[in-house]
Amino acid sequence: MQTVTIYTKDYCPYCQAALRLLDRKGVPYERIEVTSAAIQDEMAKKAGRRTVPQIFIGGRPVGGSDDLHALDAAGKLDALLKG
């Protein structure tokens, strides 16, 4: 299983939706709360975006919640998680 990292903010409904999808699939993940400008800058350098959530699978940026759900709907998420 590929490692999954997700940058979130606790009040973000899109973050919660992405986390629910990962939880429903039983995917372990590292959650990084964006609580400072420094963490947001780190995320933006890695993802090329400043919005949350930003999700990385196997170190590769896959986008946000809508992107994660689109991968799942297309049947591509499980294969990506497996590597």
PDB file of N, CA and C in Angstrom:
ATOM      1  N   MET A   1       0.849  -1.187   0.000  1.00  0.00           N
ATOM      2  CA  MET A   1       0.000   0.000   0.000  1.00  0.00           C
ATOM      3  C   MET A   1       0.888   1.241   0.000  1.00  0.00           C
ATOM      4  N   GLN A   2       0.560   2.158  -0.871  1.00  0.00           N
ATOM      5  CA  GLN A   2       1.279   3.426  -0.953  1.00  0.00           C
ATOM      6  C   GLN A   2       0.978   4.267   0.303  1.00  0.00           C
ATOM      7  N   THR A   3       1.919   5.106   0.672  1.00  0.00           N
ATOM      8  CA  THR A   3       1.670   6.022   1.780  1.00  0.00           C
ATOM      9  C   THR A   3       0.764   7.147   1.291  1.00  0.00           C
ATOM     10  N   VAL A   4      -0.115   7.586   2.177  1.00  0.00           N
ATOM     11  CA  VAL A   4      -1.038   8.673   1.859  1.00  0.00           C
ATOM     12  C   VAL A   4      -0.828   9.776   2.881  1.00  0.00           C
ATOM     13  N   THR A   5      -0.639  10.981   2.382  1.00  0.00           N
ATOM     14  CA  THR A   5      -0.513  12.161   3.228  1.00  0.00           C
ATOM     15  C   THR A   5      -1.576  13.147   2.792  1.00  0.00           C
ATOM     16  N   ILE A   6      -2.261  13.725   3.762  1.00  0.00           N
ATOM     17  CA  ILE A   6      -3.308  14.693   3.441  1.00  0.00           C
ATOM     18  C   ILE A   6      -3.148  15.927   4.331  1.00  0.00           C
ATOM     19  N   TYR A   7      -3.050  17.066   3.685  1.00  0.00           N
ATOM     20  CA  TYR A   7      -2.986  18.352   4.388  1.00  0.00           C
ATOM     21  C   TYR A   7      -4.411  18.848   4.552  1.00  0.00           C
ATOM     22  N   THR A   8      -4.787  19.202   5.782  1.00  0.00           N
ATOM     23  CA  THR A   8      -6.171  19.592   6.069  1.00  0.00           C
ATOM     24  C   THR A   8      -6.230  20.802   6.996  1.00  0.00           C
ATOM     25  N   LYS A   9      -7.439  21.343   7.087  1.00  0.00           N
ATOM     26  CA  LYS A   9      -7.801  22.305   8.128  1.00  0.00           C
ATOM     27  C   LYS A   9      -9.049  21.732   8.783  1.00  0.00           C
ATOM     28  N   ASP A  10      -9.131  21.839  10.104  1.00  0.00           N
ATOM     29  CA  ASP A  10     -10.196  21.153  10.834  1.00  0.00           C
ATOM     30  C   ASP A  10     -11.603  21.620  10.485  1.00  0.00           C
ATOM     31  N   TYR A  11     -11.768  22.830  10.002  1.00  0.00           N
ATOM     32  CA  TYR A  11     -13.093  23.362   9.695  1.00  0.00           C
ATOM     33  C   TYR A  11     -13.497  23.191   8.227  1.00  0.00           C
ATOM     34  N   CYS A  12     -12.683  22.524   7.451  1.00  0.00           N
ATOM     35  CA  CYS A  12     -12.881  22.415   6.004  1.00  0.00           C
ATOM     36  C   CYS A  12     -13.776  21.225   5.651  1.00  0.00           C
ATOM     37  N   PRO A  13     -14.964  21.472   5.060  1.00  0.00           N
ATOM     38  CA  PRO A  13     -15.849  20.359   4.707  1.00  0.00           C
ATOM     39  C   PRO A  13     -15.275  19.459   3.607  1.00  0.00           C
ATOM     40  N   TYR A  14     -14.472  20.020   2.720  1.00  0.00           N
ATOM     41  CA  TYR A  14     -13.850  19.206   1.669  1.00  0.00           C
ATOM     42  C   TYR A  14     -12.795  18.271   2.268  1.00  0.00           C
ATOM     43  N   CYS A  15     -12.100  18.762   3.272  1.00  0.00           N
ATOM     44  CA  CYS A  15     -11.131  17.918   3.984  1.00  0.00           C
ATOM     45  C   CYS A  15     -11.848  16.756   4.649  1.00  0.00           C
ATOM     46  N   GLN A  16     -12.965  17.050   5.296  1.00  0.00           N
ATOM     47  CA  GLN A  16     -13.730  16.010   5.983  1.00  0.00           C
ATOM     48  C   GLN A  16     -14.250  14.970   4.992  1.00  0.00           C
ATOM     49  N   ALA A  17     -14.690  15.413   3.823  1.00  0.00           N
ATOM     50  CA  ALA A  17     -15.185  14.481   2.803  1.00  0.00           C
ATOM     51  C   ALA A  17     -14.066  13.564   2.314  1.00  0.00           C
ATOM     52  N   ALA A  18     -12.886  14.122   2.104  1.00  0.00           N
ATOM     53  CA  ALA A  18     -11.746  13.311   1.663  1.00  0.00           C
ATOM     54  C   ALA A  18     -11.350  12.313   2.747  1.00  0.00           C
ATOM     55  N   LEU A  19     -11.324  12.755   3.983  1.00  0.00           N
ATOM     56  CA  LEU A  19     -10.975  11.861   5.089  1.00  0.00           C
ATOM     57  C   LEU A  19     -12.002  10.735   5.234  1.00  0.00           C
ATOM     58  N   ARG A  20     -13.286  11.059   5.062  1.00  0.00           N
ATOM     59  CA  ARG A  20     -14.331  10.029   5.150  1.00  0.00           C
ATOM     60  C   ARG A  20     -14.150   8.970   4.063  1.00  0.00           C
ATOM     61  N   LEU A  21     -13.796   9.400   2.860  1.00  0.00           N
ATOM     62  CA  LEU A  21     -13.569   8.441   1.783  1.00  0.00           C
ATOM     63  C   LEU A  21     -12.400   7.526   2.114  1.00  0.00           C
ATOM     64  N   LEU A  22     -11.300   8.105   2.578  1.00  0.00           N
ATOM     65  CA  LEU A  22     -10.136   7.290   2.938  1.00  0.00           C
ATOM     66  C   LEU A  22     -10.476   6.344   4.091  1.00  0.00           C
ATOM     67  N   ASP A  23     -11.206   6.836   5.085  1.00  0.00           N
ATOM     68  CA  ASP A  23     -11.609   5.993   6.218  1.00  0.00           C
ATOM     69  C   ASP A  23     -12.521   4.847   5.758  1.00  0.00           C
ATOM     70  N   ARG A  24     -13.465   5.166   4.882  1.00  0.00           N
ATOM     71  CA  ARG A  24     -14.402   4.155   4.383  1.00  0.00           C
ATOM     72  C   ARG A  24     -13.661   3.039   3.634  1.00  0.00           C
ATOM     73  N   LYS A  25     -12.582   3.407   2.960  1.00  0.00           N
ATOM     74  CA  LYS A  25     -11.791   2.427   2.225  1.00  0.00           C
ATOM     75  C   LYS A  25     -10.760   1.735   3.113  1.00  0.00           C
ATOM     76  N   GLY A  26     -10.638   2.182   4.365  1.00  0.00           N
ATOM     77  CA  GLY A  26      -9.672   1.583   5.280  1.00  0.00           C
ATOM     78  C   GLY A  26      -8.237   1.943   4.971  1.00  0.00           C
ATOM     79  N   VAL A  27      -8.048   3.105   4.385  1.00  0.00           N
ATOM     80  CA  VAL A  27      -6.714   3.556   3.986  1.00  0.00           C
ATOM     81  C   VAL A  27      -6.063   4.312   5.145  1.00  0.00           C
ATOM     82  N   PRO A  28      -4.901   3.842   5.601  1.00  0.00           N
ATOM     83  CA  PRO A  28      -4.183   4.615   6.617  1.00  0.00           C
ATOM     84  C   PRO A  28      -3.555   5.854   5.968  1.00  0.00           C
ATOM     85  N   TYR A  29      -3.500   6.935   6.718  1.00  0.00           N
ATOM     86  CA  TYR A  29      -2.934   8.171   6.169  1.00  0.00           C
ATOM     87  C   TYR A  29      -2.267   8.978   7.267  1.00  0.00           C
ATOM     88  N   GLU A  30      -1.375   9.840   6.825  1.00  0.00           N
ATOM     89  CA  GLU A  30      -0.784  10.828   7.726  1.00  0.00           C
ATOM     90  C   GLU A  30      -1.530  12.128   7.470  1.00  0.00           C
ATOM     91  N   ARG A  31      -2.110  12.668   8.515  1.00  0.00           N
ATOM     92  CA  ARG A  31      -2.856  13.923   8.400  1.00  0.00           C
ATOM     93  C   ARG A  31      -1.989  15.043   8.940  1.00  0.00           C
ATOM     94  N   ILE A  32      -1.811  16.073   8.122  1.00  0.00           N
ATOM     95  CA  ILE A  32      -1.039  17.243   8.538  1.00  0.00           C
ATOM     96  C   ILE A  32      -1.986  18.431   8.570  1.00  0.00           C
ATOM     97  N   GLU A  33      -2.198  18.958   9.763  1.00  0.00           N
ATOM     98  CA  GLU A  33      -3.060  20.123   9.927  1.00  0.00           C
ATOM     99  C   GLU A  33      -2.295  21.380   9.502  1.00  0.00           C
ATOM    100  N   VAL A  34      -2.902  22.152   8.643  1.00  0.00           N
ATOM    101  CA  VAL A  34      -2.311  23.404   8.185  1.00  0.00           C
ATOM    102  C   VAL A  34      -2.686  24.471   9.206  1.00  0.00           C
ATOM    103  N   THR A  35      -1.784  24.672  10.145  1.00  0.00           N
ATOM    104  CA  THR A  35      -2.059  25.591  11.251  1.00  0.00           C
ATOM    105  C   THR A  35      -1.174  26.830  11.214  1.00  0.00           C
ATOM    106  N   SER A  36      -0.311  26.924  10.209  1.00  0.00           N
ATOM    107  CA  SER A  36       0.576  28.091  10.116  1.00  0.00           C
ATOM    108  C   SER A  36       0.906  28.364   8.659  1.00  0.00           C
ATOM    109  N   ALA A  37       1.387  29.567   8.423  1.00  0.00           N
ATOM    110  CA  ALA A  37       1.802  29.948   7.072  1.00  0.00           C
ATOM    111  C   ALA A  37       2.964  29.076   6.594  1.00  0.00           C
ATOM    112  N   ALA A  38       3.826  28.679   7.510  1.00  0.00           N
ATOM    113  CA  ALA A  38       4.977  27.852   7.129  1.00  0.00           C
ATOM    114  C   ALA A  38       4.520  26.488   6.611  1.00  0.00           C
ATOM    115  N   ILE A  39       3.542  25.886   7.281  1.00  0.00           N
ATOM    116  CA  ILE A  39       3.030  24.586   6.827  1.00  0.00           C
ATOM    117  C   ILE A  39       2.302  24.752   5.493  1.00  0.00           C
ATOM    118  N   GLN A  40       1.549  25.836   5.345  1.00  0.00           N
ATOM    119  CA  GLN A  40       0.851  26.069   4.086  1.00  0.00           C
ATOM    120  C   GLN A  40       1.845  26.294   2.950  1.00  0.00           C
ATOM    121  N   ASP A  41       2.927  27.010   3.221  1.00  0.00           N
ATOM    122  CA  ASP A  41       3.965  27.219   2.208  1.00  0.00           C
ATOM    123  C   ASP A  41       4.620  25.903   1.815  1.00  0.00           C
ATOM    124  N   GLU A  42       4.890  25.037   2.801  1.00  0.00           N
ATOM    125  CA  GLU A  42       5.464  23.713   2.529  1.00  0.00           C
ATOM    126  C   GLU A  42       4.529  22.903   1.632  1.00  0.00           C
ATOM    127  N   MET A  43       3.242  22.917   1.956  1.00  0.00           N
ATOM    128  CA  MET A  43       2.248  22.205   1.170  1.00  0.00           C
ATOM    129  C   MET A  43       2.184  22.749  -0.248  1.00  0.00           C
ATOM    130  N   ALA A  44       2.168  24.073  -0.382  1.00  0.00           N
ATOM    131  CA  ALA A  44       2.065  24.706  -1.693  1.00  0.00           C
ATOM    132  C   ALA A  44       3.275  24.383  -2.573  1.00  0.00           C
ATOM    133  N   LYS A  45       4.448  24.305  -1.982  1.00  0.00           N
ATOM    134  CA  LYS A  45       5.644  23.947  -2.750  1.00  0.00           C
ATOM    135  C   LYS A  45       5.539  22.527  -3.284  1.00  0.00           C
ATOM    136  N   LYS A  46       4.985  21.635  -2.478  1.00  0.00           N
ATOM    137  CA  LYS A  46       4.857  20.238  -2.887  1.00  0.00           C
ATOM    138  C   LYS A  46       3.717  20.038  -3.888  1.00  0.00           C
ATOM    139  N   ALA A  47       2.595  20.716  -3.655  1.00  0.00           N
ATOM    140  CA  ALA A  47       1.382  20.460  -4.437  1.00  0.00           C
ATOM    141  C   ALA A  47       1.186  21.425  -5.600  1.00  0.00           C
ATOM    142  N   GLY A  48       1.791  22.606  -5.496  1.00  0.00           N
ATOM    143  CA  GLY A  48       1.532  23.620  -6.506  1.00  0.00           C
ATOM    144  C   GLY A  48       0.203  24.331  -6.297  1.00  0.00           C
ATOM    145  N   ARG A  49      -0.433  24.084  -5.168  1.00  0.00           N
ATOM    146  CA  ARG A  49      -1.716  24.700  -4.802  1.00  0.00           C
ATOM    147  C   ARG A  49      -1.682  25.108  -3.337  1.00  0.00           C
ATOM    148  N   ARG A  50      -2.484  26.123  -3.008  1.00  0.00           N
ATOM    149  CA  ARG A  50      -2.517  26.605  -1.631  1.00  0.00           C
ATOM    150  C   ARG A  50      -3.798  26.211  -0.897  1.00  0.00           C
ATOM    151  N   THR A  51      -4.730  25.577  -1.593  1.00  0.00           N
ATOM    152  CA  THR A  51      -6.005  25.215  -0.976  1.00  0.00           C
ATOM    153  C   THR A  51      -5.914  23.840  -0.324  1.00  0.00           C
ATOM    154  N   VAL A  52      -6.790  23.617   0.656  1.00  0.00           N
ATOM    155  CA  VAL A  52      -6.868  22.314   1.307  1.00  0.00           C
ATOM    156  C   VAL A  52      -8.184  21.660   0.931  1.00  0.00           C
ATOM    157  N   PRO A  53      -8.224  20.359   0.950  1.00  0.00           N
ATOM    158  CA  PRO A  53      -7.123  19.453   1.246  1.00  0.00           C
ATOM    159  C   PRO A  53      -6.195  19.305   0.049  1.00  0.00           C
ATOM    160  N   GLN A  54      -4.983  18.917   0.324  1.00  0.00           N
ATOM    161  CA  GLN A  54      -4.052  18.477  -0.706  1.00  0.00           C
ATOM    162  C   GLN A  54      -3.645  17.068  -0.325  1.00  0.00           C
ATOM    163  N   ILE A  55      -3.786  16.169  -1.265  1.00  0.00           N
ATOM    164  CA  ILE A  55      -3.602  14.744  -0.997  1.00  0.00           C
ATOM    165  C   ILE A  55      -2.448  14.219  -1.837  1.00  0.00           C
ATOM    166  N   PHE A  56      -1.594  13.438  -1.179  1.00  0.00           N
ATOM    167  CA  PHE A  56      -0.441  12.834  -1.840  1.00  0.00           C
ATOM    168  C   PHE A  56      -0.526  11.325  -1.650  1.00  0.00           C
ATOM    169  N   ILE A  57      -0.364  10.600  -2.727  1.00  0.00           N
ATOM    170  CA  ILE A  57      -0.336   9.141  -2.675  1.00  0.00           C
ATOM    171  C   ILE A  57       1.011   8.694  -3.211  1.00  0.00           C
ATOM    172  N   GLY A  58       1.759   8.007  -2.365  1.00  0.00           N
ATOM    173  CA  GLY A  58       3.102   7.603  -2.750  1.00  0.00           C
ATOM    174  C   GLY A  58       3.992   8.791  -3.047  1.00  0.00           C
ATOM    175  N   GLY A  59       3.746   9.914  -2.369  1.00  0.00           N
ATOM    176  CA  GLY A  59       4.533  11.122  -2.560  1.00  0.00           C
ATOM    177  C   GLY A  59       4.113  11.956  -3.759  1.00  0.00           C
ATOM    178  N   ARG A  60       3.181  11.446  -4.549  1.00  0.00           N
ATOM    179  CA  ARG A  60       2.720  12.146  -5.753  1.00  0.00           C
ATOM    180  C   ARG A  60       1.452  12.936  -5.451  1.00  0.00           C
ATOM    181  N   PRO A  61       1.414  14.223  -5.812  1.00  0.00           N
ATOM    182  CA  PRO A  61       0.192  14.988  -5.564  1.00  0.00           C
ATOM    183  C   PRO A  61      -0.940  14.518  -6.470  1.00  0.00           C
ATOM    184  N   VAL A  62      -2.104  14.292  -5.869  1.00  0.00           N
ATOM    185  CA  VAL A  62      -3.273  13.887  -6.655  1.00  0.00           C
ATOM    186  C   VAL A  62      -4.361  14.955  -6.637  1.00  0.00           C
ATOM    187  N   GLY A  63      -4.168  16.022  -5.874  1.00  0.00           N
ATOM    188  CA  GLY A  63      -5.135  17.107  -5.845  1.00  0.00           C
ATOM    189  C   GLY A  63      -5.921  17.139  -4.555  1.00  0.00           C
ATOM    190  N   GLY A  64      -7.159  17.624  -4.678  1.00  0.00           N
ATOM    191  CA  GLY A  64      -8.004  17.800  -3.512  1.00  0.00           C
ATOM    192  C   GLY A  64      -9.091  16.751  -3.414  1.00  0.00           C
ATOM    193  N   SER A  65     -10.122  17.066  -2.660  1.00  0.00           N
ATOM    194  CA  SER A  65     -11.212  16.139  -2.396  1.00  0.00           C
ATOM    195  C   SER A  65     -11.942  15.739  -3.675  1.00  0.00           C
ATOM    196  N   ASP A  66     -12.266  16.709  -4.520  1.00  0.00           N
ATOM    197  CA  ASP A  66     -12.963  16.393  -5.769  1.00  0.00           C
ATOM    198  C   ASP A  66     -12.127  15.465  -6.640  1.00  0.00           C
ATOM    199  N   ASP A  67     -10.822  15.703  -6.676  1.00  0.00           N
ATOM    200  CA  ASP A  67      -9.921  14.858  -7.467  1.00  0.00           C
ATOM    201  C   ASP A  67      -9.884  13.436  -6.905  1.00  0.00           C
ATOM    202  N   LEU A  68      -9.825  13.326  -5.589  1.00  0.00           N
ATOM    203  CA  LEU A  68      -9.800  12.010  -4.942  1.00  0.00           C
ATOM    204  C   LEU A  68     -11.090  11.243  -5.231  1.00  0.00           C
ATOM    205  N   HIS A  69     -12.223  11.926  -5.117  1.00  0.00           N
ATOM    206  CA  HIS A  69     -13.513  11.285  -5.390  1.00  0.00           C
ATOM    207  C   HIS A  69     -13.644  10.911  -6.868  1.00  0.00           C
ATOM    208  N   ALA A  70     -13.113  11.737  -7.756  1.00  0.00           N
ATOM    209  CA  ALA A  70     -13.160  11.428  -9.189  1.00  0.00           C
ATOM    210  C   ALA A  70     -12.325  10.187  -9.503  1.00  0.00           C
ATOM    211  N   LEU A  71     -11.161  10.062  -8.864  1.00  0.00           N
ATOM    212  CA  LEU A  71     -10.340   8.859  -9.041  1.00  0.00           C
ATOM    213  C   LEU A  71     -11.098   7.622  -8.578  1.00  0.00           C
ATOM    214  N   ASP A  72     -11.784   7.750  -7.452  1.00  0.00           N
ATOM    215  CA  ASP A  72     -12.546   6.613  -6.924  1.00  0.00           C
ATOM    216  C   ASP A  72     -13.705   6.261  -7.862  1.00  0.00           C
ATOM    217  N   ALA A  73     -14.430   7.258  -8.332  1.00  0.00           N
ATOM    218  CA  ALA A  73     -15.567   7.026  -9.220  1.00  0.00           C
ATOM    219  C   ALA A  73     -15.133   6.388 -10.542  1.00  0.00           C
ATOM    220  N   ALA A  74     -13.924   6.719 -10.989  1.00  0.00           N
ATOM    221  CA  ALA A  74     -13.402   6.167 -12.242  1.00  0.00           C
ATOM    222  C   ALA A  74     -12.771   4.795 -12.049  1.00  0.00           C
ATOM    223  N   GLY A  75     -12.736   4.317 -10.799  1.00  0.00           N
ATOM    224  CA  GLY A  75     -12.149   3.013 -10.519  1.00  0.00           C
ATOM    225  C   GLY A  75     -10.629   3.005 -10.529  1.00  0.00           C
ATOM    226  N   LYS A  76     -10.024   4.175 -10.388  1.00  0.00           N
ATOM    227  CA  LYS A  76      -8.565   4.280 -10.459  1.00  0.00           C
ATOM    228  C   LYS A  76      -7.891   4.426  -9.098  1.00  0.00           C
ATOM    229  N   LEU A  77      -8.655   4.756  -8.072  1.00  0.00           N
ATOM    230  CA  LEU A  77      -8.059   5.033  -6.776  1.00  0.00           C
ATOM    231  C   LEU A  77      -7.428   3.794  -6.149  1.00  0.00           C
ATOM    232  N   ASP A  78      -8.123   2.669  -6.182  1.00  0.00           N
ATOM    233  CA  ASP A  78      -7.586   1.466  -5.556  1.00  0.00           C
ATOM    234  C   ASP A  78      -6.254   1.047  -6.168  1.00  0.00           C
ATOM    235  N   ALA A  79      -6.140   1.113  -7.483  1.00  0.00           N
ATOM    236  CA  ALA A  79      -4.896   0.757  -8.163  1.00  0.00           C
ATOM    237  C   ALA A  79      -3.783   1.730  -7.780  1.00  0.00           C
ATOM    238  N   LEU A  80      -4.117   3.009  -7.686  1.00  0.00           N
ATOM    239  CA  LEU A  80      -3.122   4.013  -7.303  1.00  0.00           C
ATOM    240  C   LEU A  80      -2.635   3.768  -5.886  1.00  0.00           C
ATOM    241  N   LEU A  81      -3.554   3.390  -4.998  1.00  0.00           N
ATOM    242  CA  LEU A  81      -3.183   3.105  -3.615  1.00  0.00           C
ATOM    243  C   LEU A  81      -2.305   1.874  -3.504  1.00  0.00           C
ATOM    244  N   LYS A  82      -2.549   0.896  -4.354  1.00  0.00           N
ATOM    245  CA  LYS A  82      -1.752  -0.332  -4.335  1.00  0.00           C
ATOM    246  C   LYS A  82      -0.346  -0.128  -4.904  1.00  0.00           C
ATOM    247  N   GLY A  83      -0.221   0.871  -5.777  1.00  0.00           N
ATOM    248  CA  GLY A  83       1.084   1.160  -6.375  1.00  0.00           C
ATOM    249  C   GLY A  83       1.306   0.420  -7.585  1.00  0.00           C
TER     250      GLY A  83
END
